[in-house]
């Protein structure tokens, strides 16, 4: 009987010298293998500018980069509204006792104006949050009534738009005619 061939001798690997161009010795091999992918991913997550979005061809409408741009813009708007609400709360907590009735009336009018502004922002905040949900569900940028693209210029002007310009005009005409 022939003897079984022995396993091939293990090859010795030469020690790898670390340099600025190579990954550190502490970084696992799997991490080094994915390093170029991470760099590409980081480069692809750069937000576009308004000019870049406006120049994009129609076939790229509501691609991942555009959705990221609008989601970022909506989140910034949301944070700004929440910050304003906090400032208003703090401002209204400050009690200023003014003996002059005219000055008191002015202060009360300023508070009323500020509260009306916050109420409008509260309604806008709701629309912003709905728009973010539409981005997450993949419906953002398309008309709720017709399914047609709303259009980048309209979304830049009004990121919470849910209707195309034509559908919005039809709705406004109907409201004007029937008082709805």
Protein backbone atom coordinates (compact mmCIF):
# COMPACT_ATOMS: atom_id res chain seq x y z
CA UNK A 1 0.00 0.00 0.00
CA UNK A 2 1.19 3.42 -0.80
CA UNK A 3 1.58 5.84 2.01
CA UNK A 4 -0.68 8.85 2.01
CA UNK A 5 1.08 11.97 0.88
CA UNK A 6 1.72 14.29 3.78
CA UNK A 7 0.11 17.66 3.87
CA UNK A 8 2.01 20.35 2.06
CA UNK A 9 4.32 22.26 4.35
CA UNK A 10 2.90 25.58 5.54
CA UNK A 11 4.30 28.54 3.71
CA UNK A 12 5.96 31.15 5.80
CA UNK A 13 4.76 34.65 5.19
CA UNK A 14 7.23 37.48 5.30
CA UNK A 15 6.37 40.12 7.85
CA UNK A 16 4.57 43.10 6.35
CA UNK A 17 6.06 46.48 7.03
CA UNK A 18 3.49 49.15 7.81
CA UNK A 19 3.73 52.34 5.86
CA UNK A 20 1.55 55.39 5.43
CA UNK A 21 0.01 53.81 2.35
CA UNK A 22 -0.79 50.45 3.91
CA UNK A 23 -3.40 49.76 6.52
CA UNK A 24 -2.28 49.65 10.11
CA UNK A 25 -1.29 46.31 11.58
CA UNK A 26 -4.11 46.64 14.10
CA UNK A 27 -6.82 46.95 11.42
CA UNK A 28 -8.33 43.55 10.57
CA UNK A 29 -7.88 42.23 7.04
CA UNK A 30 -11.62 42.32 6.39
CA UNK A 31 -11.69 46.01 7.28
CA UNK A 32 -8.74 46.72 4.96
CA UNK A 33 -10.51 44.90 2.14
CA UNK A 34 -13.55 47.20 2.50
CA UNK A 35 -11.58 50.43 2.91
CA UNK A 36 -11.93 51.47 -0.76
CA UNK A 37 -15.67 50.77 -0.56
CA UNK A 38 -15.96 52.98 2.53
CA UNK A 39 -14.08 55.79 0.80
CA UNK A 40 -16.34 55.48 -2.26
CA UNK A 41 -19.42 55.42 -0.04
CA UNK A 42 -18.23 58.53 1.82
CA UNK A 43 -17.63 60.32 -1.47
CA UNK A 44 -21.06 59.32 -2.76
CA UNK A 45 -22.81 60.62 0.38
CA UNK A 46 -21.69 64.18 -0.30
CA UNK A 47 -24.80 66.31 -0.60
CA UNK A 48 -25.48 67.90 -3.94
CA UNK A 49 -25.95 71.62 -4.34
CA UNK A 50 -29.08 73.26 -5.74
CA UNK A 51 -27.24 74.01 -8.97
CA UNK A 52 -26.20 70.36 -9.36
CA UNK A 53 -29.75 69.19 -8.75
CA UNK A 54 -31.16 71.65 -11.28
CA UNK A 55 -28.61 70.52 -13.90
CA UNK A 56 -29.38 66.81 -13.41
CA UNK A 57 -31.05 65.06 -16.35
CA UNK A 58 -34.71 64.07 -16.04
CA UNK A 59 -33.79 60.38 -15.95
CA UNK A 60 -32.06 61.03 -12.60
CA UNK A 61 -35.23 62.51 -11.05
CA UNK A 62 -35.45 61.62 -7.35
CA UNK A 63 -32.36 59.43 -7.33
CA UNK A 64 -30.64 58.67 -4.03
CA UNK A 65 -28.49 61.83 -4.13
CA UNK A 66 -31.49 64.10 -4.73
CA UNK A 67 -33.50 62.37 -2.01
CA UNK A 68 -30.58 62.81 0.40
CA UNK A 69 -30.42 66.52 -0.50
CA UNK A 70 -34.12 67.06 0.16
CA UNK A 71 -34.13 64.96 3.31
CA UNK A 72 -31.22 67.01 4.66
CA UNK A 73 -32.98 70.25 3.76
CA UNK A 74 -36.21 69.10 5.44
CA UNK A 75 -34.34 67.98 8.56
CA UNK A 76 -32.60 71.37 8.75
CA UNK A 77 -35.98 73.11 8.48
CA UNK A 78 -37.35 70.83 11.19
CA UNK A 79 -34.45 71.63 13.53
CA UNK A 80 -34.83 75.35 12.91
CA UNK A 81 -38.55 75.24 13.76
CA UNK A 82 -37.90 73.25 16.92
CA UNK A 83 -35.18 75.70 17.94
CA UNK A 84 -37.55 78.63 17.36
CA UNK A 85 -40.24 76.94 19.44
CA UNK A 86 -37.80 76.52 22.32
CA UNK A 87 -36.76 80.16 22.11
CA UNK A 88 -40.41 81.25 22.10
CA UNK A 89 -41.11 79.15 25.17
CA UNK A 90 -38.21 80.74 26.99
CA UNK A 91 -39.21 84.20 25.82
CA UNK A 92 -42.80 83.79 27.01
CA UNK A 93 -41.66 82.53 30.41
CA UNK A 94 -39.88 85.80 31.02
CA UNK A 95 -42.33 87.95 32.89
CA UNK A 96 -41.88 91.63 32.40
CA UNK A 97 -43.99 93.78 34.66
CA UNK A 98 -44.54 97.09 32.98
CA UNK A 99 -46.73 99.66 34.72
CA UNK A 100 -47.56 101.58 31.55
CA UNK A 101 -50.70 100.13 29.85
CA UNK A 102 -49.45 101.09 26.39
CA UNK A 103 -46.18 99.24 26.92
CA UNK A 104 -48.05 96.22 28.29
CA UNK A 105 -50.30 96.21 25.23
CA UNK A 106 -47.27 96.33 22.94
CA UNK A 107 -45.65 93.40 24.74
CA UNK A 108 -48.88 91.38 24.60
CA UNK A 109 -49.24 92.12 20.88
CA UNK A 110 -45.66 90.96 20.28
CA UNK A 111 -46.39 87.74 22.19
CA UNK A 112 -49.58 87.18 20.19
CA UNK A 113 -47.68 87.68 16.93
CA UNK A 114 -44.97 85.29 18.07
CA UNK A 115 -47.57 82.67 19.01
CA UNK A 116 -49.29 83.00 15.62
CA UNK A 117 -45.94 82.54 13.91
CA UNK A 118 -45.23 79.41 16.00
CA UNK A 119 -48.68 78.06 15.16
CA UNK A 120 -47.92 78.41 11.44
CA UNK A 121 -44.55 76.75 12.05
CA UNK A 122 -46.29 73.93 13.94
CA UNK A 123 -48.41 73.23 10.86
CA UNK A 124 -45.32 73.42 8.65
CA UNK A 125 -43.50 71.04 11.00
CA UNK A 126 -46.24 68.48 10.44
CA UNK A 127 -45.83 68.81 6.66
CA UNK A 128 -42.05 68.53 6.98
CA UNK A 129 -42.35 65.32 8.99
CA UNK A 130 -44.81 63.91 6.44
CA UNK A 131 -42.38 64.80 3.63
CA UNK A 132 -39.55 62.99 5.42
CA UNK A 133 -41.81 59.94 5.71
CA UNK A 134 -42.57 60.22 1.98
CA UNK A 135 -38.83 60.22 1.26
CA UNK A 136 -38.38 57.11 3.40
CA UNK A 137 -41.29 55.36 1.65
CA UNK A 138 -40.12 56.37 -1.84
CA UNK A 139 -43.13 58.57 -2.67
CA UNK A 140 -41.40 61.95 -2.37
CA UNK A 141 -41.29 64.14 -5.46
CA UNK A 142 -44.39 62.71 -7.08
CA UNK A 143 -47.86 64.27 -7.14
CA UNK A 144 -50.38 62.71 -4.75
CA UNK A 145 -53.21 63.17 -7.27
CA UNK A 146 -51.64 62.33 -10.62
CA UNK A 147 -48.43 60.47 -9.77
CA UNK A 148 -46.49 62.79 -12.10
CA UNK A 149 -43.17 64.29 -11.01
CA UNK A 150 -43.63 67.50 -9.04
CA UNK A 151 -40.41 68.92 -10.44
CA UNK A 152 -37.11 69.90 -8.87
CA UNK A 153 -37.61 73.69 -9.16
CA UNK A 154 -40.94 73.46 -7.31
CA UNK A 155 -39.46 71.21 -4.61
CA UNK A 156 -36.54 73.59 -4.15
CA UNK A 157 -38.99 76.44 -3.64
CA UNK A 158 -41.37 74.38 -1.48
CA UNK A 159 -39.81 71.14 -0.21
CA UNK A 160 -43.11 70.06 1.39
CA UNK A 161 -45.06 70.20 -1.89
CA UNK A 162 -47.25 67.15 -2.46
CA UNK A 163 -48.94 68.27 -5.69
CA UNK A 164 -47.58 69.15 -9.10
CA UNK A 165 -48.05 72.75 -10.16
CA UNK A 166 -50.95 71.82 -12.46
CA UNK A 167 -52.72 69.79 -9.76
CA UNK A 168 -52.24 72.60 -7.24
CA UNK A 169 -53.69 75.14 -9.68
CA UNK A 170 -56.69 72.86 -10.31
CA UNK A 171 -57.24 72.48 -6.56
CA UNK A 172 -57.02 76.25 -6.00
CA UNK A 173 -59.44 76.91 -8.89
CA UNK A 174 -61.90 74.39 -7.43
CA UNK A 175 -61.60 76.02 -3.99
CA UNK A 176 -62.20 79.43 -5.53
CA UNK A 177 -65.23 78.24 -7.50
CA UNK A 178 -66.87 76.11 -4.83
CA UNK A 179 -65.52 77.74 -1.70
CA UNK A 180 -64.15 74.48 -0.33
